C-alpha atoms as a PDB file:
ATOM      1  CA  UNK A   1      -0.167   0.067  -0.129  1.00  0.00           C
ATOM      2  CA  UNK A   2       2.966   2.604   0.997  1.00  0.00           C
ATOM      3  CA  UNK A   3       4.575   1.786  -2.507  1.00  0.00           C
ATOM      4  CA  UNK A   4       1.338   2.567  -4.402  1.00  0.00           C
ATOM      5  CA  UNK A   5       0.761   5.749  -2.215  1.00  0.00           C
ATOM      6  CA  UNK A   6       4.384   6.863  -2.992  1.00  0.00           C
ATOM      7  CA  UNK A   7       4.000   6.634  -6.667  1.00  0.00           C
ATOM      8  CA  UNK A   8       0.833   8.489  -6.384  1.00  0.00           C
ATOM      9  CA  UNK A   9       2.777  11.467  -4.565  1.00  0.00           C
ATOM     10  CA  UNK A  10       5.234  11.618  -7.484  1.00  0.00           C
ATOM     11  CA  UNK A  11       2.905  11.748  -9.997  1.00  0.00           C
ATOM     12  CA  UNK A  12       0.743  14.241  -8.454  1.00  0.00           C
ATOM     13  CA  UNK A  13       3.584  16.355  -8.043  1.00  0.00           C
ATOM     14  CA  UNK A  14       5.189  15.809 -11.327  1.00  0.00           C
ATOM     15  CA  UNK A  15       4.487  19.371 -12.740  1.00  0.00           C
ATOM     16  CA  UNK A  16       6.568  20.624  -9.671  1.00  0.00           C
ATOM     17  CA  UNK A  17       9.117  18.149  -9.802  1.00  0.00           C
ATOM     18  CA  UNK A  18       9.579  18.898 -13.483  1.00  0.00           C
ATOM     19  CA  UNK A  19       9.739  22.508 -13.093  1.00  0.00           C
ATOM     20  CA  UNK A  20      12.243  22.381 -10.018  1.00  0.00           C
ATOM     21  CA  UNK A  21      14.657  19.679 -11.831  1.00  0.00           C
ATOM     22  CA  UNK A  22      14.363  22.036 -15.265  1.00  0.00           C
ATOM     23  CA  UNK A  23      15.678  24.999 -12.696  1.00  0.00           C
ATOM     24  CA  UNK A  24      18.563  22.949 -11.473  1.00  0.00           C
ATOM     25  CA  UNK A  25      19.717  21.724 -14.894  1.00  0.00           C
ATOM     26  CA  UNK A  26      19.713  25.191 -16.214  1.00  0.00           C
ATOM     27  CA  UNK A  27      21.993  25.830 -13.305  1.00  0.00           C
ATOM     28  CA  UNK A  28      24.223  23.375 -13.547  1.00  0.00           C
ATOM     29  CA  UNK A  29      27.499  23.274 -15.895  1.00  0.00           C
ATOM     30  CA  UNK A  30      27.204  19.542 -16.505  1.00  0.00           C
ATOM     31  CA  UNK A  31      24.460  19.571 -19.167  1.00  0.00           C
ATOM     32  CA  UNK A  32      24.987  23.242 -20.849  1.00  0.00           C
ATOM     33  CA  UNK A  33      25.380  21.652 -24.350  1.00  0.00           C
ATOM     34  CA  UNK A  34      22.495  19.689 -23.917  1.00  0.00           C
ATOM     35  CA  UNK A  35      20.346  23.114 -23.069  1.00  0.00           C
ATOM     36  CA  UNK A  36      21.953  24.415 -25.869  1.00  0.00           C
ATOM     37  CA  UNK A  37      21.076  21.964 -28.382  1.00  0.00           C
ATOM     38  CA  UNK A  38      17.493  20.485 -26.891  1.00  0.00           C
ATOM     39  CA  UNK A  39      14.681  22.891 -26.955  1.00  0.00           C
ATOM     40  CA  UNK A  40      13.549  23.424 -23.638  1.00  0.00           C
ATOM     41  CA  UNK A  41       9.879  22.342 -24.151  1.00  0.00           C
ATOM     42  CA  UNK A  42      11.095  19.173 -24.961  1.00  0.00           C
ATOM     43  CA  UNK A  43      13.490  18.458 -22.281  1.00  0.00           C
ATOM     44  CA  UNK A  44      10.595  19.369 -19.844  1.00  0.00           C
ATOM     45  CA  UNK A  45       8.117  17.253 -21.654  1.00  0.00           C
ATOM     46  CA  UNK A  46      10.737  14.332 -21.263  1.00  0.00           C
ATOM     47  CA  UNK A  47      11.127  14.825 -17.934  1.00  0.00           C
ATOM     48  CA  UNK A  48       7.393  15.357 -17.099  1.00  0.00           C
ATOM     49  CA  UNK A  49       6.856  12.326 -18.597  1.00  0.00           C
ATOM     50  CA  UNK A  50       8.655   9.727 -16.531  1.00  0.00           C
ATOM     51  CA  UNK A  51       7.239  11.665 -13.231  1.00  0.00           C
ATOM     52  CA  UNK A  52       3.700  11.490 -14.450  1.00  0.00           C
ATOM     53  CA  UNK A  53       3.533   8.287 -15.992  1.00  0.00           C
ATOM     54  CA  UNK A  54       5.920   6.232 -13.382  1.00  0.00           C
ATOM     55  CA  UNK A  55       3.578   3.669 -12.467  1.00  0.00           C
ATOM     56  CA  UNK A  56       2.851   2.807 -15.841  1.00  0.00           C
ATOM     57  CA  UNK A  57       6.857   2.769 -16.527  1.00  0.00           C
ATOM     58  CA  UNK A  58       7.309   0.434 -13.295  1.00  0.00           C
ATOM     59  CA  UNK A  59       4.217  -2.026 -13.630  1.00  0.00           C
ATOM     60  CA  UNK A  60       2.680  -2.102 -17.013  1.00  0.00           C
ATOM     61  CA  UNK A  61       5.681  -1.178 -19.750  1.00  0.00           C
ATOM     62  CA  UNK A  62       7.534  -4.131 -21.198  1.00  0.00           C
ATOM     63  CA  UNK A  63      11.435  -4.154 -21.429  1.00  0.00           C
ATOM     64  CA  UNK A  64      11.391  -3.756 -24.923  1.00  0.00           C
ATOM     65  CA  UNK A  65       9.030  -0.571 -25.078  1.00  0.00           C
ATOM     66  CA  UNK A  66      11.870   0.893 -22.677  1.00  0.00           C
ATOM     67  CA  UNK A  67      14.579  -0.291 -24.794  1.00  0.00           C
ATOM     68  CA  UNK A  68      12.126   1.457 -27.784  1.00  0.00           C
ATOM     69  CA  UNK A  69      11.807   4.445 -25.697  1.00  0.00           C
ATOM     70  CA  UNK A  70      15.189   5.088 -24.989  1.00  0.00           C
ATOM     71  CA  UNK A  71      17.241   3.908 -27.854  1.00  0.00           C
ATOM     72  CA  UNK A  72      15.170   6.629 -29.781  1.00  0.00           C
ATOM     73  CA  UNK A  73      15.746   9.269 -27.337  1.00  0.00           C
ATOM     74  CA  UNK A  74      19.785   8.415 -27.738  1.00  0.00           C
ATOM     75  CA  UNK A  75      19.756   8.353 -30.973  1.00  0.00           C
ATOM     76  CA  UNK A  76      17.806  11.828 -31.117  1.00  0.00           C
ATOM     77  CA  UNK A  77      20.130  13.480 -28.712  1.00  0.00           C
ATOM     78  CA  UNK A  78      23.227  12.163 -30.644  1.00  0.00           C
ATOM     79  CA  UNK A  79      21.679  13.642 -33.867  1.00  0.00           C
ATOM     80  CA  UNK A  80      21.280  16.955 -31.850  1.00  0.00           C
ATOM     81  CA  UNK A  81      24.896  16.801 -31.127  1.00  0.00           C
ATOM     82  CA  UNK A  82      24.319  16.551 -27.439  1.00  0.00           C
ATOM     83  CA  UNK A  83      27.692  14.859 -25.723  1.00  0.00           C
ATOM     84  CA  UNK A  84      26.779  11.419 -24.220  1.00  0.00           C
ATOM     85  CA  UNK A  85      27.803  12.782 -20.647  1.00  0.00           C
ATOM     86  CA  UNK A  86      25.032  15.377 -20.961  1.00  0.00           C
ATOM     87  CA  UNK A  87      22.555  12.709 -21.890  1.00  0.00           C
ATOM     88  CA  UNK A  88      23.592  10.550 -18.960  1.00  0.00           C
ATOM     89  CA  UNK A  89      23.603  13.434 -16.540  1.00  0.00           C
ATOM     90  CA  UNK A  90      19.772  14.487 -17.184  1.00  0.00           C
ATOM     91  CA  UNK A  91      18.800  10.991 -16.869  1.00  0.00           C
ATOM     92  CA  UNK A  92      20.681  10.518 -13.261  1.00  0.00           C
ATOM     93  CA  UNK A  93      19.321  14.023 -12.148  1.00  0.00           C
ATOM     94  CA  UNK A  94      16.137  12.902 -13.030  1.00  0.00           C
ATOM     95  CA  UNK A  95      16.383   9.914 -10.374  1.00  0.00           C
ATOM     96  CA  UNK A  96      18.412  11.888  -7.727  1.00  0.00           C
ATOM     97  CA  UNK A  97      16.167  14.838  -8.163  1.00  0.00           C
ATOM     98  CA  UNK A  98      13.205  12.183  -7.135  1.00  0.00           C
ATOM     99  CA  UNK A  99      14.879  10.689  -4.425  1.00  0.00           C
ATOM    100  CA  UNK A 100      15.583  14.290  -2.894  1.00  0.00           C
ATOM    101  CA  UNK A 101      12.173  14.867  -3.297  1.00  0.00           C
ATOM    102  CA  UNK A 102      11.153  11.900  -1.180  1.00  0.00           C
ATOM    103  CA  UNK A 103      13.565  12.601   1.278  1.00  0.00           C
ATOM    104  CA  UNK A 104      12.159  16.297   1.578  1.00  0.00           C
ATOM    105  CA  UNK A 105       8.847  14.817   2.058  1.00  0.00           C
ATOM    106  CA  UNK A 106      10.030  12.379   4.951  1.00  0.00           C
ATOM    107  CA  UNK A 107       8.919   9.261   3.465  1.00  0.00           C
ATOM    108  CA  UNK A 108      12.673   7.976   3.109  1.00  0.00           C
ATOM    109  CA  UNK A 109      13.124   7.619   6.799  1.00  0.00           C
ATOM    110  CA  UNK A 110      10.357   5.339   7.232  1.00  0.00           C
ATOM    111  CA  UNK A 111      11.568   1.676   8.069  1.00  0.00           C
ATOM    112  CA  UNK A 112      10.602  -0.691   4.797  1.00  0.00           C
ATOM    113  CA  UNK A 113       8.099  -3.488   6.424  1.00  0.00           C
ATOM    114  CA  UNK A 114       7.025  -4.944   3.324  1.00  0.00           C
ATOM    115  CA  UNK A 115       8.279  -6.381   0.361  1.00  0.00           C
ATOM    116  CA  UNK A 116       6.097  -4.275  -2.024  1.00  0.00           C
ATOM    117  CA  UNK A 117       8.170  -1.198  -0.803  1.00  0.00           C
ATOM    118  CA  UNK A 118      11.578  -2.738  -1.577  1.00  0.00           C
ATOM    119  CA  UNK A 119      10.296  -3.950  -5.063  1.00  0.00           C
ATOM    120  CA  UNK A 120       9.498  -0.388  -5.657  1.00  0.00           C
ATOM    121  CA  UNK A 121      12.711   0.537  -4.763  1.00  0.00           C
ATOM    122  CA  UNK A 122      14.159  -2.186  -6.960  1.00  0.00           C
ATOM    123  CA  UNK A 123      11.797  -1.105 -10.054  1.00  0.00           C
ATOM    124  CA  UNK A 124      12.578   2.367  -9.970  1.00  0.00           C
ATOM    125  CA  UNK A 125      16.699   1.571  -9.956  1.00  0.00           C
ATOM    126  CA  UNK A 126      16.082  -0.989 -12.635  1.00  0.00           C
ATOM    127  CA  UNK A 127      14.399   1.992 -14.735  1.00  0.00           C
ATOM    128  CA  UNK A 128      16.722   4.259 -14.786  1.00  0.00           C
ATOM    129  CA  UNK A 129      19.605   2.158 -15.072  1.00  0.00           C
ATOM    130  CA  UNK A 130      18.003   0.701 -18.436  1.00  0.00           C
ATOM    131  CA  UNK A 131      16.833   3.870 -19.688  1.00  0.00           C
ATOM    132  CA  UNK A 132      20.819   4.968 -19.268  1.00  0.00           C
ATOM    133  CA  UNK A 133      21.866   1.450 -20.788  1.00  0.00           C
ATOM    134  CA  UNK A 134      19.369   1.928 -23.752  1.00  0.00           C
ATOM    135  CA  UNK A 135      20.145   5.362 -24.518  1.00  0.00           C
ATOM    136  CA  UNK A 136      24.000   4.273 -24.792  1.00  0.00           C
ATOM    137  CA  UNK A 137      22.633   1.942 -27.610  1.00  0.00           C
ATOM    138  CA  UNK A 138      21.217   4.593 -29.159  1.00  0.00           C
ATOM    139  CA  UNK A 139      23.937   6.792 -29.015  1.00  0.00           C
ATOM    140  CA  UNK A 140      26.222   3.906 -30.404  1.00  0.00           C
ATOM    141  CA  UNK A 141      23.514   3.040 -33.237  1.00  0.00           C
ATOM    142  CA  UNK A 142      23.570   6.367 -34.540  1.00  0.00           C
ATOM    143  CA  UNK A 143      27.409   5.893 -35.403  1.00  0.00           C
ATOM    144  CA  UNK A 144      28.279   9.481 -33.904  1.00  0.00           C
ATOM    145  CA  UNK A 145      31.020   9.947 -30.956  1.00  0.00           C
ATOM    146  CA  UNK A 146      30.985  13.781 -29.666  1.00  0.00           C
ATOM    147  CA  UNK A 147      34.889  14.386 -28.822  1.00  0.00           C
ATOM    148  CA  UNK A 148      34.454  16.923 -25.899  1.00  0.00           C
ATOM    149  CA  UNK A 149      31.581  19.560 -26.958  1.00  0.00           C
ATOM    150  CA  UNK A 150      33.255  19.731 -30.506  1.00  0.00           C
ATOM    151  CA  UNK A 151      32.158  18.771 -33.571  1.00  0.00           C
ATOM    152  CA  UNK A 152      30.813  14.791 -33.913  1.00  0.00           C
ATOM    153  CA  UNK A 153      33.240  12.642 -35.061  1.00  0.00           C
ATOM    154  CA  UNK A 154      31.345   9.443 -37.230  1.00  0.00           C
ATOM    155  CA  UNK A 155      32.445   5.441 -36.324  1.00  0.00           C
ATOM    156  CA  UNK A 156      31.045   2.697 -37.702  1.00  0.00           C
ATOM    157  CA  UNK A 157      29.600   1.674 -34.590  1.00  0.00           C
ATOM    158  CA  UNK A 158      26.377  -0.422 -36.163  1.00  0.00           C
ATOM    159  CA  UNK A 159      27.791  -3.536 -35.759  1.00  0.00           C
ATOM    160  CA  UNK A 160      28.311  -3.330 -31.969  1.00  0.00           C
ATOM    161  CA  UNK A 161      24.601  -1.856 -31.677  1.00  0.00           C
ATOM    162  CA  UNK A 162      23.128  -4.707 -33.927  1.00  0.00           C
ATOM    163  CA  UNK A 163      25.239  -7.460 -31.646  1.00  0.00           C
ATOM    164  CA  UNK A 164      23.344  -6.289 -28.891  1.00  0.00           C
END
């Protein structure tokens, strides 16, 4: 029951979570290029989608749906010239911002008494880890490596992506 209420709390506050994270990202030097190359409304929409539909992503979406979503997003960010490190930083920031929010709500201090809560925490971790992994595959399948924040250097990585 606690797990369900926790996800409902996150989804109910998706707008506020998204807005406060967008503010943090704009202040962070770790995603400067991403913020220059990805329209703000697009980035906000992707972040909001995670928070707003968290129950769906954790309970009813298949791994292949997650794979398709994040490979596509990885390809899109690579084509926009976003360094992989910026992409990965944002995925990590979405997760860390969620944990910060839960700590502020005092929810992370409660003792975990049921396996449902443990399962939720595991599902959250798995979701974000796989999002990062599939995003990396998307970058690799686009065949683009970004050196620092300079121009893309093309490499034949289609075989690597196909082998996975």
